[in-house]
């Protein structure tokens, strides 16, 4: 189980005894779902589906980890292969506890997570995808060194309005120069 600690943020595998508290955190305030691709219908998971899906991924900790801040669980980071053969990896983050928004927790967690991904995988780039209805995520990405690489105009329809899909990315050499946290390869 790898533990990543950076500037007061801990990224780690979930522990079996955290199942109920994590589930409660995710369902307690669904405001986070308004920014996390709300154009894809979201249904609150049952305890069973949470336990067998997301929670198992968080226990395993390979592609998803919990975010701990001041000894409290506040969210998760994740990654997934768009195409493993071409080494195209995307990263994501969700802060479920809205009381923790605006404190820089997401930014700090992403810096640690992106550094971990570059240290772990033989990849040239990490990407993130969001939508124009989530300006905070775009600003967070740009603030840590991601560049807007693409904008698919008006491809996300939500509540009677079209939004853009935004593709952000950072190259390994840019990350090394900006953060100096990853090993040189």
C-alpha atoms as a PDB file:
ATOM      1  CA  UNK A   1       0.000   0.000   0.000  1.00  0.00           C
ATOM      2  CA  UNK A   2       1.630   3.198  -1.122  1.00  0.00           C
ATOM      3  CA  UNK A   3       1.032   6.347   0.880  1.00  0.00           C
ATOM      4  CA  UNK A   4       1.683   9.702  -0.743  1.00  0.00           C
ATOM      5  CA  UNK A   5       2.120  12.634   1.607  1.00  0.00           C
ATOM      6  CA  UNK A   6       2.572  16.186   0.379  1.00  0.00           C
ATOM      7  CA  UNK A   7       2.032  19.527   2.148  1.00  0.00           C
ATOM      8  CA  UNK A   8      -0.502  18.247   4.669  1.00  0.00           C
ATOM      9  CA  UNK A   9      -2.391  16.045   2.198  1.00  0.00           C
ATOM     10  CA  UNK A  10      -2.264  12.260   2.321  1.00  0.00           C
ATOM     11  CA  UNK A  11      -3.263  10.056  -0.608  1.00  0.00           C
ATOM     12  CA  UNK A  12      -3.655   6.429   0.378  1.00  0.00           C
ATOM     13  CA  UNK A  13      -5.627   3.247  -0.014  1.00  0.00           C
ATOM     14  CA  UNK A  14      -8.908   3.082   1.843  1.00  0.00           C
ATOM     15  CA  UNK A  15      -9.078   0.910   4.939  1.00  0.00           C
ATOM     16  CA  UNK A  16     -11.809  -1.697   5.341  1.00  0.00           C
ATOM     17  CA  UNK A  17     -13.140   0.006   8.484  1.00  0.00           C
ATOM     18  CA  UNK A  18     -13.723   3.221   6.481  1.00  0.00           C
ATOM     19  CA  UNK A  19     -16.420   1.735   4.276  1.00  0.00           C
ATOM     20  CA  UNK A  20     -19.368   3.368   6.044  1.00  0.00           C
ATOM     21  CA  UNK A  21     -17.701   6.747   6.590  1.00  0.00           C
ATOM     22  CA  UNK A  22     -16.634   6.933   2.930  1.00  0.00           C
ATOM     23  CA  UNK A  23     -20.093   5.990   1.742  1.00  0.00           C
ATOM     24  CA  UNK A  24     -21.646   8.601   4.030  1.00  0.00           C
ATOM     25  CA  UNK A  25     -19.167  11.231   2.778  1.00  0.00           C
ATOM     26  CA  UNK A  26     -20.090  10.580  -0.858  1.00  0.00           C
ATOM     27  CA  UNK A  27     -23.852  10.689  -0.339  1.00  0.00           C
ATOM     28  CA  UNK A  28     -24.090  13.332   2.431  1.00  0.00           C
ATOM     29  CA  UNK A  29     -23.865  16.332   0.115  1.00  0.00           C
ATOM     30  CA  UNK A  30     -24.280  15.696  -3.584  1.00  0.00           C
ATOM     31  CA  UNK A  31     -23.252  19.211  -4.592  1.00  0.00           C
ATOM     32  CA  UNK A  32     -20.020  17.748  -5.989  1.00  0.00           C
ATOM     33  CA  UNK A  33     -22.109  15.955  -8.637  1.00  0.00           C
ATOM     34  CA  UNK A  34     -23.081  19.348 -10.110  1.00  0.00           C
ATOM     35  CA  UNK A  35     -19.491  19.723 -11.344  1.00  0.00           C
ATOM     36  CA  UNK A  36     -18.491  16.106 -11.949  1.00  0.00           C
ATOM     37  CA  UNK A  37     -19.934  15.570 -15.465  1.00  0.00           C
ATOM     38  CA  UNK A  38     -23.562  16.322 -14.483  1.00  0.00           C
ATOM     39  CA  UNK A  39     -24.658  15.847 -18.098  1.00  0.00           C
ATOM     40  CA  UNK A  40     -24.195  12.110 -17.481  1.00  0.00           C
ATOM     41  CA  UNK A  41     -27.102  11.052 -15.259  1.00  0.00           C
ATOM     42  CA  UNK A  42     -25.915  10.327 -11.724  1.00  0.00           C
ATOM     43  CA  UNK A  43     -27.643   7.947  -9.403  1.00  0.00           C
ATOM     44  CA  UNK A  44     -26.619   7.723  -5.766  1.00  0.00           C
ATOM     45  CA  UNK A  45     -25.030   4.286  -5.339  1.00  0.00           C
ATOM     46  CA  UNK A  46     -26.544   1.729  -3.012  1.00  0.00           C
ATOM     47  CA  UNK A  47     -24.311   0.591  -0.169  1.00  0.00           C
ATOM     48  CA  UNK A  48     -23.793  -2.722  -1.947  1.00  0.00           C
ATOM     49  CA  UNK A  49     -22.839  -1.191  -5.297  1.00  0.00           C
ATOM     50  CA  UNK A  50     -20.494   1.254  -3.546  1.00  0.00           C
ATOM     51  CA  UNK A  51     -18.874  -1.561  -1.553  1.00  0.00           C
ATOM     52  CA  UNK A  52     -18.368  -3.778  -4.591  1.00  0.00           C
ATOM     53  CA  UNK A  53     -17.329  -0.963  -6.965  1.00  0.00           C
ATOM     54  CA  UNK A  54     -15.646   2.253  -5.901  1.00  0.00           C
ATOM     55  CA  UNK A  55     -14.777   1.052  -2.398  1.00  0.00           C
ATOM     56  CA  UNK A  56     -12.979  -2.048  -3.725  1.00  0.00           C
ATOM     57  CA  UNK A  57     -11.012   0.180  -6.116  1.00  0.00           C
ATOM     58  CA  UNK A  58     -10.066   2.432  -3.189  1.00  0.00           C
ATOM     59  CA  UNK A  59      -9.009  -0.563  -1.063  1.00  0.00           C
ATOM     60  CA  UNK A  60      -6.824  -1.819  -3.929  1.00  0.00           C
ATOM     61  CA  UNK A  61      -5.448   1.695  -4.375  1.00  0.00           C
ATOM     62  CA  UNK A  62      -3.836   1.211  -7.770  1.00  0.00           C
ATOM     63  CA  UNK A  63      -5.950   3.627  -9.822  1.00  0.00           C
ATOM     64  CA  UNK A  64      -7.874   5.341  -7.023  1.00  0.00           C
ATOM     65  CA  UNK A  65      -6.897   6.660  -3.619  1.00  0.00           C
ATOM     66  CA  UNK A  66      -8.638   8.541  -0.842  1.00  0.00           C
ATOM     67  CA  UNK A  67      -7.642  12.108  -0.015  1.00  0.00           C
ATOM     68  CA  UNK A  68      -7.063  12.695   3.690  1.00  0.00           C
ATOM     69  CA  UNK A  69      -6.779  16.223   5.074  1.00  0.00           C
ATOM     70  CA  UNK A  70      -6.265  16.913   8.774  1.00  0.00           C
ATOM     71  CA  UNK A  71      -7.013  13.243   9.506  1.00  0.00           C
ATOM     72  CA  UNK A  72     -10.390  13.432   7.701  1.00  0.00           C
ATOM     73  CA  UNK A  73     -11.413  11.833   4.428  1.00  0.00           C
ATOM     74  CA  UNK A  74     -12.464  14.555   1.986  1.00  0.00           C
ATOM     75  CA  UNK A  75     -12.319  13.027  -1.498  1.00  0.00           C
ATOM     76  CA  UNK A  76     -10.617  10.761  -4.003  1.00  0.00           C
ATOM     77  CA  UNK A  77      -8.097  10.919  -6.822  1.00  0.00           C
ATOM     78  CA  UNK A  78      -8.194   8.555  -9.767  1.00  0.00           C
ATOM     79  CA  UNK A  79      -6.610   7.666 -13.074  1.00  0.00           C
ATOM     80  CA  UNK A  80      -7.645   5.556 -16.036  1.00  0.00           C
ATOM     81  CA  UNK A  81      -6.202   4.495 -19.343  1.00  0.00           C
ATOM     82  CA  UNK A  82      -7.780   6.054 -22.402  1.00  0.00           C
ATOM     83  CA  UNK A  83      -5.436   3.780 -24.383  1.00  0.00           C
ATOM     84  CA  UNK A  84      -2.825   1.769 -22.483  1.00  0.00           C
ATOM     85  CA  UNK A  85      -1.122   0.677 -25.734  1.00  0.00           C
ATOM     86  CA  UNK A  86      -0.267   4.292 -26.555  1.00  0.00           C
ATOM     87  CA  UNK A  87       0.287   5.200 -22.873  1.00  0.00           C
ATOM     88  CA  UNK A  88      -2.577   7.719 -22.785  1.00  0.00           C
ATOM     89  CA  UNK A  89      -3.481   8.228 -19.127  1.00  0.00           C
ATOM     90  CA  UNK A  90      -6.088  10.582 -17.665  1.00  0.00           C
ATOM     91  CA  UNK A  91      -6.374  11.700 -14.039  1.00  0.00           C
ATOM     92  CA  UNK A  92      -9.293  12.945 -11.982  1.00  0.00           C
ATOM     93  CA  UNK A  93     -10.270  14.232  -8.570  1.00  0.00           C
ATOM     94  CA  UNK A  94     -13.462  14.549  -6.553  1.00  0.00           C
ATOM     95  CA  UNK A  95     -13.760  16.537  -3.321  1.00  0.00           C
ATOM     96  CA  UNK A  96     -16.981  15.325  -1.735  1.00  0.00           C
ATOM     97  CA  UNK A  97     -16.811  17.514   1.361  1.00  0.00           C
ATOM     98  CA  UNK A  98     -17.957  20.941   0.146  1.00  0.00           C
ATOM     99  CA  UNK A  99     -16.790  22.483   3.444  1.00  0.00           C
ATOM    100  CA  UNK A 100     -13.257  21.824   2.204  1.00  0.00           C
ATOM    101  CA  UNK A 101     -13.644  23.561  -1.171  1.00  0.00           C
ATOM    102  CA  UNK A 102     -11.557  26.661  -1.801  1.00  0.00           C
ATOM    103  CA  UNK A 103      -8.767  25.700   0.593  1.00  0.00           C
ATOM    104  CA  UNK A 104      -6.273  24.464  -2.001  1.00  0.00           C
ATOM    105  CA  UNK A 105      -6.780  20.834  -1.020  1.00  0.00           C
ATOM    106  CA  UNK A 106      -7.634  19.761  -4.572  1.00  0.00           C
ATOM    107  CA  UNK A 107      -4.650  21.591  -6.011  1.00  0.00           C
ATOM    108  CA  UNK A 108      -2.255  20.044  -3.485  1.00  0.00           C
ATOM    109  CA  UNK A 109      -3.754  16.570  -3.920  1.00  0.00           C
ATOM    110  CA  UNK A 110      -3.444  16.844  -7.707  1.00  0.00           C
ATOM    111  CA  UNK A 111       0.207  17.901  -7.514  1.00  0.00           C
ATOM    112  CA  UNK A 112       0.959  14.847  -5.371  1.00  0.00           C
ATOM    113  CA  UNK A 113      -1.141  12.535  -7.571  1.00  0.00           C
ATOM    114  CA  UNK A 114       0.288  13.722 -10.895  1.00  0.00           C
ATOM    115  CA  UNK A 115       3.822  13.391  -9.510  1.00  0.00           C
ATOM    116  CA  UNK A 116       2.978   9.866  -8.368  1.00  0.00           C
ATOM    117  CA  UNK A 117       1.617   8.977 -11.820  1.00  0.00           C
ATOM    118  CA  UNK A 118       4.772  10.195 -13.543  1.00  0.00           C
ATOM    119  CA  UNK A 119       6.896   8.284 -11.004  1.00  0.00           C
ATOM    120  CA  UNK A 120       4.826   5.112 -11.446  1.00  0.00           C
ATOM    121  CA  UNK A 121       4.134   4.914 -15.173  1.00  0.00           C
ATOM    122  CA  UNK A 122       6.334   5.191 -18.236  1.00  0.00           C
ATOM    123  CA  UNK A 123       4.225   7.954 -19.779  1.00  0.00           C
ATOM    124  CA  UNK A 124       4.992  11.224 -21.531  1.00  0.00           C
ATOM    125  CA  UNK A 125       1.786  13.052 -20.562  1.00  0.00           C
ATOM    126  CA  UNK A 126      -1.052  13.101 -18.040  1.00  0.00           C
ATOM    127  CA  UNK A 127      -4.397  14.497 -19.134  1.00  0.00           C
ATOM    128  CA  UNK A 128      -7.577  15.636 -17.463  1.00  0.00           C
ATOM    129  CA  UNK A 129     -10.973  16.195 -19.024  1.00  0.00           C
ATOM    130  CA  UNK A 130     -13.607  18.537 -17.660  1.00  0.00           C
ATOM    131  CA  UNK A 131     -16.319  20.808 -19.020  1.00  0.00           C
ATOM    132  CA  UNK A 132     -16.758  24.566 -19.310  1.00  0.00           C
ATOM    133  CA  UNK A 133     -19.351  24.435 -16.530  1.00  0.00           C
ATOM    134  CA  UNK A 134     -16.539  23.646 -14.090  1.00  0.00           C
ATOM    135  CA  UNK A 135     -14.275  26.726 -14.260  1.00  0.00           C
ATOM    136  CA  UNK A 136     -12.740  25.843 -10.885  1.00  0.00           C
ATOM    137  CA  UNK A 137     -11.315  22.594 -12.278  1.00  0.00           C
ATOM    138  CA  UNK A 138      -9.950  24.366 -15.341  1.00  0.00           C
ATOM    139  CA  UNK A 139      -8.295  27.026 -13.159  1.00  0.00           C
ATOM    140  CA  UNK A 140      -6.911  24.381 -10.793  1.00  0.00           C
ATOM    141  CA  UNK A 141      -5.376  22.457 -13.688  1.00  0.00           C
ATOM    142  CA  UNK A 142      -3.868  25.561 -15.254  1.00  0.00           C
ATOM    143  CA  UNK A 143      -2.609  26.723 -11.851  1.00  0.00           C
ATOM    144  CA  UNK A 144      -0.533  23.558 -11.406  1.00  0.00           C
ATOM    145  CA  UNK A 145       0.874  23.621 -14.933  1.00  0.00           C
ATOM    146  CA  UNK A 146      -1.670  21.900 -17.162  1.00  0.00           C
ATOM    147  CA  UNK A 147      -2.395  23.519 -20.504  1.00  0.00           C
ATOM    148  CA  UNK A 148      -5.734  23.601 -22.263  1.00  0.00           C
ATOM    149  CA  UNK A 149      -4.979  21.362 -25.237  1.00  0.00           C
ATOM    150  CA  UNK A 150      -8.408  21.164 -26.736  1.00  0.00           C
ATOM    151  CA  UNK A 151     -11.920  22.476 -26.559  1.00  0.00           C
ATOM    152  CA  UNK A 152     -14.782  20.553 -28.110  1.00  0.00           C
ATOM    153  CA  UNK A 153     -17.393  23.218 -28.468  1.00  0.00           C
ATOM    154  CA  UNK A 154     -20.988  22.665 -27.384  1.00  0.00           C
ATOM    155  CA  UNK A 155     -20.783  18.902 -26.925  1.00  0.00           C
ATOM    156  CA  UNK A 156     -22.145  18.781 -23.352  1.00  0.00           C
ATOM    157  CA  UNK A 157     -25.834  19.597 -23.012  1.00  0.00           C
ATOM    158  CA  UNK A 158     -27.077  20.214 -19.490  1.00  0.00           C
ATOM    159  CA  UNK A 159     -30.225  21.919 -18.204  1.00  0.00           C
ATOM    160  CA  UNK A 160     -31.014  23.527 -21.536  1.00  0.00           C
ATOM    161  CA  UNK A 161     -27.509  24.877 -22.156  1.00  0.00           C
ATOM    162  CA  UNK A 162     -24.610  23.661 -24.292  1.00  0.00           C
ATOM    163  CA  UNK A 163     -21.156  23.504 -22.707  1.00  0.00           C
ATOM    164  CA  UNK A 164     -17.704  22.731 -24.069  1.00  0.00           C
ATOM    165  CA  UNK A 165     -15.617  19.680 -23.213  1.00  0.00           C
ATOM    166  CA  UNK A 166     -12.171  20.847 -22.098  1.00  0.00           C
ATOM    167  CA  UNK A 167      -9.046  18.724 -22.500  1.00  0.00           C
ATOM    168  CA  UNK A 168      -6.053  19.641 -20.344  1.00  0.00           C
ATOM    169  CA  UNK A 169      -2.628  18.046 -20.262  1.00  0.00           C
ATOM    170  CA  UNK A 170       0.895  18.317 -18.948  1.00  0.00           C
ATOM    171  CA  UNK A 171       4.027  16.712 -20.374  1.00  0.00           C
ATOM    172  CA  UNK A 172       6.578  14.964 -18.175  1.00  0.00           C
ATOM    173  CA  UNK A 173       9.320  17.501 -18.981  1.00  0.00           C
ATOM    174  CA  UNK A 174       6.979  20.398 -18.178  1.00  0.00           C
ATOM    175  CA  UNK A 175       6.032  18.734 -14.884  1.00  0.00           C
ATOM    176  CA  UNK A 176       9.644  18.079 -13.961  1.00  0.00           C
ATOM    177  CA  UNK A 177      10.483  21.701 -14.637  1.00  0.00           C
ATOM    178  CA  UNK A 178       7.471  23.066 -12.740  1.00  0.00           C
ATOM    179  CA  UNK A 179       7.405  20.782  -9.734  1.00  0.00           C
ATOM    180  CA  UNK A 180      10.729  19.004  -9.564  1.00  0.00           C
ATOM    181  CA  UNK A 181       8.917  16.230  -7.658  1.00  0.00           C
ATOM    182  CA  UNK A 182       9.253  13.428 -10.199  1.00  0.00           C
ATOM    183  CA  UNK A 183      12.295  11.336 -10.857  1.00  0.00           C
ATOM    184  CA  UNK A 184      14.167  12.152 -14.055  1.00  0.00           C
ATOM    185  CA  UNK A 185      13.769   9.387 -16.608  1.00  0.00           C
END
